[in-house]
Amino acid sequence: MPPSPGTSAVQLNKIIANAKDILTNQVGISLGVRKMNKLLNGLDSANIKEIDCSVFTEFERKIDGCPVGSERLLWQREELKKKDIIVDKVIRIYRDKIIDKCYELIALSRK
């Protein structure tokens, strides 16, 4: 059964809220991107299909195997530091692209 129009609007609002959380540092980039990918995968909206959101998938692919969110609590300190070096490098490469994409997504709320 296809999602109802109301469901798509709710999902779109969650995507926009997550984009705002990423921009305002309410959530870290790594965790925000992971959440964004989950939200985008669950949405079938023409508004989003207009926007190339592949930067979120690319970013997550680059940090695959690195702990994100509360999963970090399960890692040994030294191993976590090593993974953080990888994540920091990827963030430096993708930060501007992610910020730009978040602004594009937020702009959908004004359409």
C-alpha atoms as a PDB file:
ATOM      1  CA  MET A   1       0.000   0.000   0.000  1.00  0.00           C
ATOM      2  CA  PRO A   2       1.477   3.414  -0.951  1.00  0.00           C
ATOM      3  CA  PRO A   3       1.973   5.931   1.843  1.00  0.00           C
ATOM      4  CA  SER A   4      -0.785   8.471   2.320  1.00  0.00           C
ATOM      5  CA  PRO A   5      -0.072  12.086   1.352  1.00  0.00           C
ATOM      6  CA  GLY A   6      -0.025  13.010   5.046  1.00  0.00           C
ATOM      7  CA  THR A   7       2.693  10.442   5.704  1.00  0.00           C
ATOM      8  CA  SER A   8       4.906  11.978   3.004  1.00  0.00           C
ATOM      9  CA  ALA A   9       4.416  15.425   4.511  1.00  0.00           C
ATOM     10  CA  VAL A  10       5.376  14.130   7.959  1.00  0.00           C
ATOM     11  CA  GLN A  11       8.498  12.450   6.535  1.00  0.00           C
ATOM     12  CA  LEU A  12       9.430  15.597   4.626  1.00  0.00           C
ATOM     13  CA  ASN A  13       9.089  17.633   7.828  1.00  0.00           C
ATOM     14  CA  LYS A  14      11.378  15.168   9.630  1.00  0.00           C
ATOM     15  CA  ILE A  15      13.973  15.534   6.866  1.00  0.00           C
ATOM     16  CA  ILE A  16      13.797  19.321   7.079  1.00  0.00           C
ATOM     17  CA  ALA A  17      14.044  19.196  10.892  1.00  0.00           C
ATOM     18  CA  ASN A  18      17.089  16.925  10.652  1.00  0.00           C
ATOM     19  CA  ALA A  19      18.716  19.278   8.125  1.00  0.00           C
ATOM     20  CA  LYS A  20      18.194  22.130  10.603  1.00  0.00           C
ATOM     21  CA  ASP A  21      19.652  20.004  13.413  1.00  0.00           C
ATOM     22  CA  ILE A  22      22.763  19.349  11.334  1.00  0.00           C
ATOM     23  CA  LEU A  23      23.176  23.044  10.456  1.00  0.00           C
ATOM     24  CA  THR A  24      22.730  24.234  14.028  1.00  0.00           C
ATOM     25  CA  ASN A  25      25.011  21.541  15.470  1.00  0.00           C
ATOM     26  CA  GLN A  26      22.127  20.123  17.503  1.00  0.00           C
ATOM     27  CA  VAL A  27      23.350  16.786  16.162  1.00  0.00           C
ATOM     28  CA  GLY A  28      26.808  15.890  14.908  1.00  0.00           C
ATOM     29  CA  ILE A  29      27.359  15.548  11.178  1.00  0.00           C
ATOM     30  CA  SER A  30      27.979  11.798  11.345  1.00  0.00           C
ATOM     31  CA  LEU A  31      24.840  11.026  13.316  1.00  0.00           C
ATOM     32  CA  GLY A  32      22.778  13.579  11.381  1.00  0.00           C
ATOM     33  CA  VAL A  33      23.831  12.075   8.060  1.00  0.00           C
ATOM     34  CA  ARG A  34      23.006   8.560   9.248  1.00  0.00           C
ATOM     35  CA  LYS A  35      19.551   9.734  10.309  1.00  0.00           C
ATOM     36  CA  MET A  36      19.123  11.622   7.024  1.00  0.00           C
ATOM     37  CA  ASN A  37      19.840   8.503   4.992  1.00  0.00           C
ATOM     38  CA  LYS A  38      17.241   6.545   6.970  1.00  0.00           C
ATOM     39  CA  LEU A  39      14.672   9.296   6.479  1.00  0.00           C
ATOM     40  CA  LEU A  40      15.412   9.667   2.767  1.00  0.00           C
ATOM     41  CA  ASN A  41      15.167   5.930   2.181  1.00  0.00           C
ATOM     42  CA  GLY A  42      11.708   5.919   3.725  1.00  0.00           C
ATOM     43  CA  LEU A  43      10.372   8.797   1.630  1.00  0.00           C
ATOM     44  CA  ASP A  44       8.746   8.747  -1.778  1.00  0.00           C
ATOM     45  CA  SER A  45       8.224  12.421  -2.473  1.00  0.00           C
ATOM     46  CA  ALA A  46       8.541  14.318  -5.724  1.00  0.00           C
ATOM     47  CA  ASN A  47       9.952  17.289  -3.773  1.00  0.00           C
ATOM     48  CA  ILE A  48      12.968  15.291  -2.625  1.00  0.00           C
ATOM     49  CA  LYS A  49      13.515  13.525  -5.944  1.00  0.00           C
ATOM     50  CA  GLU A  50      14.302  16.937  -7.455  1.00  0.00           C
ATOM     51  CA  ILE A  51      17.326  17.170  -5.153  1.00  0.00           C
ATOM     52  CA  ASP A  52      20.417  14.990  -5.503  1.00  0.00           C
ATOM     53  CA  CYS A  53      20.978  13.763  -1.947  1.00  0.00           C
ATOM     54  CA  SER A  54      23.790  11.366  -2.828  1.00  0.00           C
ATOM     55  CA  VAL A  55      26.239  13.366  -0.673  1.00  0.00           C
ATOM     56  CA  PHE A  56      24.669  11.801   2.418  1.00  0.00           C
ATOM     57  CA  THR A  57      25.128   8.272   1.069  1.00  0.00           C
ATOM     58  CA  GLU A  58      28.686   9.020  -0.064  1.00  0.00           C
ATOM     59  CA  PHE A  59      29.589  10.417   3.347  1.00  0.00           C
ATOM     60  CA  GLU A  60      28.181   7.421   5.195  1.00  0.00           C
ATOM     61  CA  ARG A  61      29.972   5.029   2.860  1.00  0.00           C
ATOM     62  CA  LYS A  62      33.273   6.770   3.649  1.00  0.00           C
ATOM     63  CA  ILE A  63      32.811   6.347   7.412  1.00  0.00           C
ATOM     64  CA  ASP A  64      31.508   2.785   7.182  1.00  0.00           C
ATOM     65  CA  GLY A  65      32.856   0.835  10.136  1.00  0.00           C
ATOM     66  CA  CYS A  66      33.257   3.927  12.295  1.00  0.00           C
ATOM     67  CA  PRO A  67      31.043   4.152  15.376  1.00  0.00           C
ATOM     68  CA  VAL A  68      28.349   6.835  15.394  1.00  0.00           C
ATOM     69  CA  GLY A  69      26.104   8.007  18.215  1.00  0.00           C
ATOM     70  CA  SER A  70      25.740   5.909  21.357  1.00  0.00           C
ATOM     71  CA  GLU A  71      27.513   3.010  19.646  1.00  0.00           C
ATOM     72  CA  ARG A  72      30.710   4.952  20.392  1.00  0.00           C
ATOM     73  CA  LEU A  73      30.311   4.020  24.075  1.00  0.00           C
ATOM     74  CA  LEU A  74      30.981   0.386  23.205  1.00  0.00           C
ATOM     75  CA  TRP A  75      34.418   1.037  21.713  1.00  0.00           C
ATOM     76  CA  GLN A  76      37.790   1.000  23.443  1.00  0.00           C
ATOM     77  CA  ARG A  77      39.295   4.450  23.829  1.00  0.00           C
ATOM     78  CA  GLU A  78      42.327   3.951  21.577  1.00  0.00           C
ATOM     79  CA  GLU A  79      40.342   2.287  18.791  1.00  0.00           C
ATOM     80  CA  LEU A  80      37.783   5.080  18.980  1.00  0.00           C
ATOM     81  CA  LYS A  81      40.534   7.681  18.602  1.00  0.00           C
ATOM     82  CA  LYS A  82      41.783   5.924  15.453  1.00  0.00           C
ATOM     83  CA  LYS A  83      38.285   5.850  13.955  1.00  0.00           C
ATOM     84  CA  ASP A  84      37.758   9.503  14.889  1.00  0.00           C
ATOM     85  CA  ILE A  85      40.780  10.449  12.777  1.00  0.00           C
ATOM     86  CA  ILE A  86      39.083   8.836   9.771  1.00  0.00           C
ATOM     87  CA  VAL A  87      35.740  10.492  10.514  1.00  0.00           C
ATOM     88  CA  ASP A  88      37.366  13.912  10.989  1.00  0.00           C
ATOM     89  CA  LYS A  89      39.092  13.661   7.593  1.00  0.00           C
ATOM     90  CA  VAL A  90      35.841  12.711   5.880  1.00  0.00           C
ATOM     91  CA  ILE A  91      33.953  15.528   7.618  1.00  0.00           C
ATOM     92  CA  ARG A  92      36.542  18.038   6.385  1.00  0.00           C
ATOM     93  CA  ILE A  93      35.996  16.822   2.814  1.00  0.00           C
ATOM     94  CA  TYR A  94      32.182  16.679   2.916  1.00  0.00           C
ATOM     95  CA  ARG A  95      31.170  19.416   5.393  1.00  0.00           C
ATOM     96  CA  ASP A  96      30.511  22.156   2.817  1.00  0.00           C
ATOM     97  CA  LYS A  97      28.583  19.811   0.516  1.00  0.00           C
ATOM     98  CA  ILE A  98      26.445  18.586   3.419  1.00  0.00           C
ATOM     99  CA  ILE A  99      25.744  22.138   4.591  1.00  0.00           C
ATOM    100  CA  ASP A 100      24.728  23.178   1.071  1.00  0.00           C
ATOM    101  CA  LYS A 101      22.441  20.165   0.757  1.00  0.00           C
ATOM    102  CA  CYS A 102      20.845  20.896   4.129  1.00  0.00           C
ATOM    103  CA  TYR A 103      20.038  24.419   2.951  1.00  0.00           C
ATOM    104  CA  GLU A 104      18.461  22.967  -0.222  1.00  0.00           C
ATOM    105  CA  LEU A 105      16.317  20.632   1.859  1.00  0.00           C
ATOM    106  CA  ILE A 106      15.252  23.398   4.228  1.00  0.00           C
ATOM    107  CA  ALA A 107      14.224  25.488   1.216  1.00  0.00           C
ATOM    108  CA  LEU A 108      11.581  22.836   0.459  1.00  0.00           C
ATOM    109  CA  SER A 109       9.655  24.058   3.498  1.00  0.00           C
ATOM    110  CA  ARG A 110       9.195  27.397   1.756  1.00  0.00           C
ATOM    111  CA  LYS A 111       7.681  25.947  -1.431  1.00  0.00           C
END
